[in-house]
Amino acid sequence: MNDISDERKAVEGQVMKIYKESSPAIENLFEWAYINHLAWSIAVVALGMLVWLTLALSNAENQRYALLTKQCADPVFKGELDKKCLRSVQSREHWWQHVGYALTHLSPEK
């Protein structure tokens, strides 16, 4: 009976040793790695800048095309521009058409 008890204690000791080695190290459990935070922050800021620049490019191309096609001529003063119209005009159907045109035509047409 004593041999079984010693054998069981040895097995339990090995199991407890395995369990103890698989538990997380308390000293490293709450350590922060700021490298990932920096990388994700840079990625989010870059994505925000890309969205902002796309919106600005779309707006500028919308106004440029409206001026080119004379969609915002002032009805009262001939030869003048209606600036309120320039803020709200939709010279093409979709915003991506403005961005696509602006990205493919980098210099003005002659």
C-alpha atoms as a PDB file:
ATOM      1  CA  MET A   1       0.000   0.000   0.000  1.00  0.00           C
ATOM      2  CA  ASN A   2       2.871   2.311   0.785  1.00  0.00           C
ATOM      3  CA  ASP A   3       4.381   1.702  -2.714  1.00  0.00           C
ATOM      4  CA  ILE A   4       1.185   2.792  -4.432  1.00  0.00           C
ATOM      5  CA  SER A   5       1.030   5.891  -2.311  1.00  0.00           C
ATOM      6  CA  ASP A   6       4.637   6.811  -3.136  1.00  0.00           C
ATOM      7  CA  GLU A   7       4.019   6.089  -6.809  1.00  0.00           C
ATOM      8  CA  ARG A   8       0.903   8.258  -6.794  1.00  0.00           C
ATOM      9  CA  LYS A   9       2.748  11.074  -5.056  1.00  0.00           C
ATOM     10  CA  ALA A  10       5.522  10.905  -7.668  1.00  0.00           C
ATOM     11  CA  VAL A  11       2.995  11.086 -10.528  1.00  0.00           C
ATOM     12  CA  GLU A  12       1.124  13.917  -8.847  1.00  0.00           C
ATOM     13  CA  GLY A  13       4.439  15.710  -8.320  1.00  0.00           C
ATOM     14  CA  GLN A  14       5.246  15.433 -12.044  1.00  0.00           C
ATOM     15  CA  VAL A  15       1.772  16.659 -13.001  1.00  0.00           C
ATOM     16  CA  MET A  16       2.054  19.617 -10.653  1.00  0.00           C
ATOM     17  CA  LYS A  17       5.501  20.419 -12.055  1.00  0.00           C
ATOM     18  CA  ILE A  18       4.094  20.425 -15.607  1.00  0.00           C
ATOM     19  CA  TYR A  19       1.191  22.604 -14.492  1.00  0.00           C
ATOM     20  CA  LYS A  20       3.491  25.034 -12.714  1.00  0.00           C
ATOM     21  CA  GLU A  21       5.706  25.407 -15.807  1.00  0.00           C
ATOM     22  CA  SER A  22       2.717  26.043 -18.069  1.00  0.00           C
ATOM     23  CA  SER A  23       1.303  28.868 -15.948  1.00  0.00           C
ATOM     24  CA  PRO A  24       2.099  32.421 -17.106  1.00  0.00           C
ATOM     25  CA  ALA A  25       4.997  34.256 -15.556  1.00  0.00           C
ATOM     26  CA  ILE A  26       3.553  36.840 -13.182  1.00  0.00           C
ATOM     27  CA  GLU A  27       6.413  39.318 -13.669  1.00  0.00           C
ATOM     28  CA  ASN A  28       5.739  39.561 -17.451  1.00  0.00           C
ATOM     29  CA  LEU A  29       1.952  39.222 -17.330  1.00  0.00           C
ATOM     30  CA  PHE A  30       1.122  42.935 -17.321  1.00  0.00           C
ATOM     31  CA  GLU A  31       3.983  44.196 -19.463  1.00  0.00           C
ATOM     32  CA  TRP A  32       3.032  46.468 -22.357  1.00  0.00           C
ATOM     33  CA  ALA A  33       4.674  46.509 -25.766  1.00  0.00           C
ATOM     34  CA  TYR A  34       4.448  50.051 -27.136  1.00  0.00           C
ATOM     35  CA  ILE A  35       5.860  49.066 -30.528  1.00  0.00           C
ATOM     36  CA  ASN A  36       2.499  47.726 -31.707  1.00  0.00           C
ATOM     37  CA  HIS A  37       0.691  50.789 -30.395  1.00  0.00           C
ATOM     38  CA  LEU A  38       3.039  53.063 -32.318  1.00  0.00           C
ATOM     39  CA  ALA A  39       2.648  51.071 -35.537  1.00  0.00           C
ATOM     40  CA  TRP A  40      -1.149  51.008 -35.306  1.00  0.00           C
ATOM     41  CA  SER A  41      -1.256  54.703 -34.426  1.00  0.00           C
ATOM     42  CA  ILE A  42       0.837  55.557 -37.480  1.00  0.00           C
ATOM     43  CA  ALA A  43      -1.384  53.354 -39.656  1.00  0.00           C
ATOM     44  CA  VAL A  44      -4.566  55.019 -38.375  1.00  0.00           C
ATOM     45  CA  VAL A  45      -3.144  58.521 -38.867  1.00  0.00           C
ATOM     46  CA  ALA A  46      -1.958  57.609 -42.391  1.00  0.00           C
ATOM     47  CA  LEU A  47      -5.390  56.209 -43.258  1.00  0.00           C
ATOM     48  CA  GLY A  48      -7.054  59.356 -41.905  1.00  0.00           C
ATOM     49  CA  MET A  49      -4.754  61.545 -43.984  1.00  0.00           C
ATOM     50  CA  LEU A  50      -5.500  59.445 -47.078  1.00  0.00           C
ATOM     51  CA  VAL A  51      -9.252  59.860 -46.575  1.00  0.00           C
ATOM     52  CA  TRP A  52      -8.873  63.598 -45.980  1.00  0.00           C
ATOM     53  CA  LEU A  53      -6.685  64.062 -49.081  1.00  0.00           C
ATOM     54  CA  THR A  54      -9.123  62.036 -51.190  1.00  0.00           C
ATOM     55  CA  LEU A  55     -12.007  64.248 -50.065  1.00  0.00           C
ATOM     56  CA  ALA A  56     -10.012  67.409 -50.750  1.00  0.00           C
ATOM     57  CA  LEU A  57      -8.953  66.145 -54.195  1.00  0.00           C
ATOM     58  CA  SER A  58     -12.535  65.223 -55.054  1.00  0.00           C
ATOM     59  CA  ASN A  59     -13.794  68.657 -53.996  1.00  0.00           C
ATOM     60  CA  ALA A  60     -11.087  70.512 -55.918  1.00  0.00           C
ATOM     61  CA  GLU A  61     -11.683  68.477 -59.077  1.00  0.00           C
ATOM     62  CA  ASN A  62     -15.439  68.975 -58.745  1.00  0.00           C
ATOM     63  CA  GLN A  63     -14.994  72.749 -58.648  1.00  0.00           C
ATOM     64  CA  ARG A  64     -12.399  72.709 -61.437  1.00  0.00           C
ATOM     65  CA  TYR A  65     -14.683  70.726 -63.737  1.00  0.00           C
ATOM     66  CA  ALA A  66     -17.662  72.972 -62.874  1.00  0.00           C
ATOM     67  CA  LEU A  67     -15.576  76.015 -63.830  1.00  0.00           C
ATOM     68  CA  LEU A  68     -14.399  74.334 -67.024  1.00  0.00           C
ATOM     69  CA  THR A  69     -17.945  73.453 -68.128  1.00  0.00           C
ATOM     70  CA  LYS A  70     -19.301  76.858 -66.932  1.00  0.00           C
ATOM     71  CA  GLN A  71     -21.920  75.321 -64.662  1.00  0.00           C
ATOM     72  CA  CYS A  72     -21.665  78.140 -62.107  1.00  0.00           C
ATOM     73  CA  ALA A  73     -22.086  81.256 -64.225  1.00  0.00           C
ATOM     74  CA  ASP A  74     -23.751  84.101 -62.338  1.00  0.00           C
ATOM     75  CA  PRO A  75     -27.166  84.793 -63.910  1.00  0.00           C
ATOM     76  CA  VAL A  76     -27.198  88.477 -62.924  1.00  0.00           C
ATOM     77  CA  PHE A  77     -23.634  89.544 -63.717  1.00  0.00           C
ATOM     78  CA  LYS A  78     -22.481  88.085 -67.017  1.00  0.00           C
ATOM     79  CA  GLY A  79     -18.931  86.725 -66.960  1.00  0.00           C
ATOM     80  CA  GLU A  80     -18.869  86.391 -63.166  1.00  0.00           C
ATOM     81  CA  LEU A  81     -19.007  83.282 -60.983  1.00  0.00           C
ATOM     82  CA  ASP A  82     -21.630  82.264 -58.472  1.00  0.00           C
ATOM     83  CA  LYS A  83     -19.513  81.206 -55.480  1.00  0.00           C
ATOM     84  CA  LYS A  84     -22.474  79.706 -53.634  1.00  0.00           C
ATOM     85  CA  CYS A  85     -23.012  77.442 -56.632  1.00  0.00           C
ATOM     86  CA  LEU A  86     -19.346  76.349 -56.559  1.00  0.00           C
ATOM     87  CA  ARG A  87     -19.761  75.059 -52.997  1.00  0.00           C
ATOM     88  CA  SER A  88     -22.773  72.888 -53.850  1.00  0.00           C
ATOM     89  CA  VAL A  89     -22.361  71.933 -57.516  1.00  0.00           C
ATOM     90  CA  GLN A  90     -22.131  68.260 -58.529  1.00  0.00           C
ATOM     91  CA  SER A  91     -20.345  68.405 -61.866  1.00  0.00           C
ATOM     92  CA  ARG A  92     -20.021  64.630 -62.214  1.00  0.00           C
ATOM     93  CA  GLU A  93     -22.213  61.774 -61.011  1.00  0.00           C
ATOM     94  CA  HIS A  94     -19.912  60.286 -58.336  1.00  0.00           C
ATOM     95  CA  TRP A  95     -16.969  61.391 -56.199  1.00  0.00           C
ATOM     96  CA  TRP A  96     -14.754  58.568 -57.472  1.00  0.00           C
ATOM     97  CA  GLN A  97     -15.029  59.981 -61.013  1.00  0.00           C
ATOM     98  CA  HIS A  98     -13.417  63.198 -59.788  1.00  0.00           C
ATOM     99  CA  VAL A  99     -10.650  61.302 -57.974  1.00  0.00           C
ATOM    100  CA  GLY A 100     -10.031  59.005 -60.946  1.00  0.00           C
ATOM    101  CA  TYR A 101      -9.779  61.913 -63.371  1.00  0.00           C
ATOM    102  CA  ALA A 102      -7.504  63.905 -61.053  1.00  0.00           C
ATOM    103  CA  LEU A 103      -5.162  60.948 -60.525  1.00  0.00           C
ATOM    104  CA  THR A 104      -4.878  60.126 -64.240  1.00  0.00           C
ATOM    105  CA  HIS A 105      -4.555  63.721 -65.528  1.00  0.00           C
ATOM    106  CA  LEU A 106      -1.696  65.264 -63.580  1.00  0.00           C
ATOM    107  CA  SER A 107      -1.056  68.191 -65.924  1.00  0.00           C
ATOM    108  CA  PRO A 108      -3.681  70.489 -67.472  1.00  0.00           C
ATOM    109  CA  GLU A 109      -4.923  69.766 -70.986  1.00  0.00           C
ATOM    110  CA  LYS A 110      -3.590  71.989 -73.753  1.00  0.00           C
END
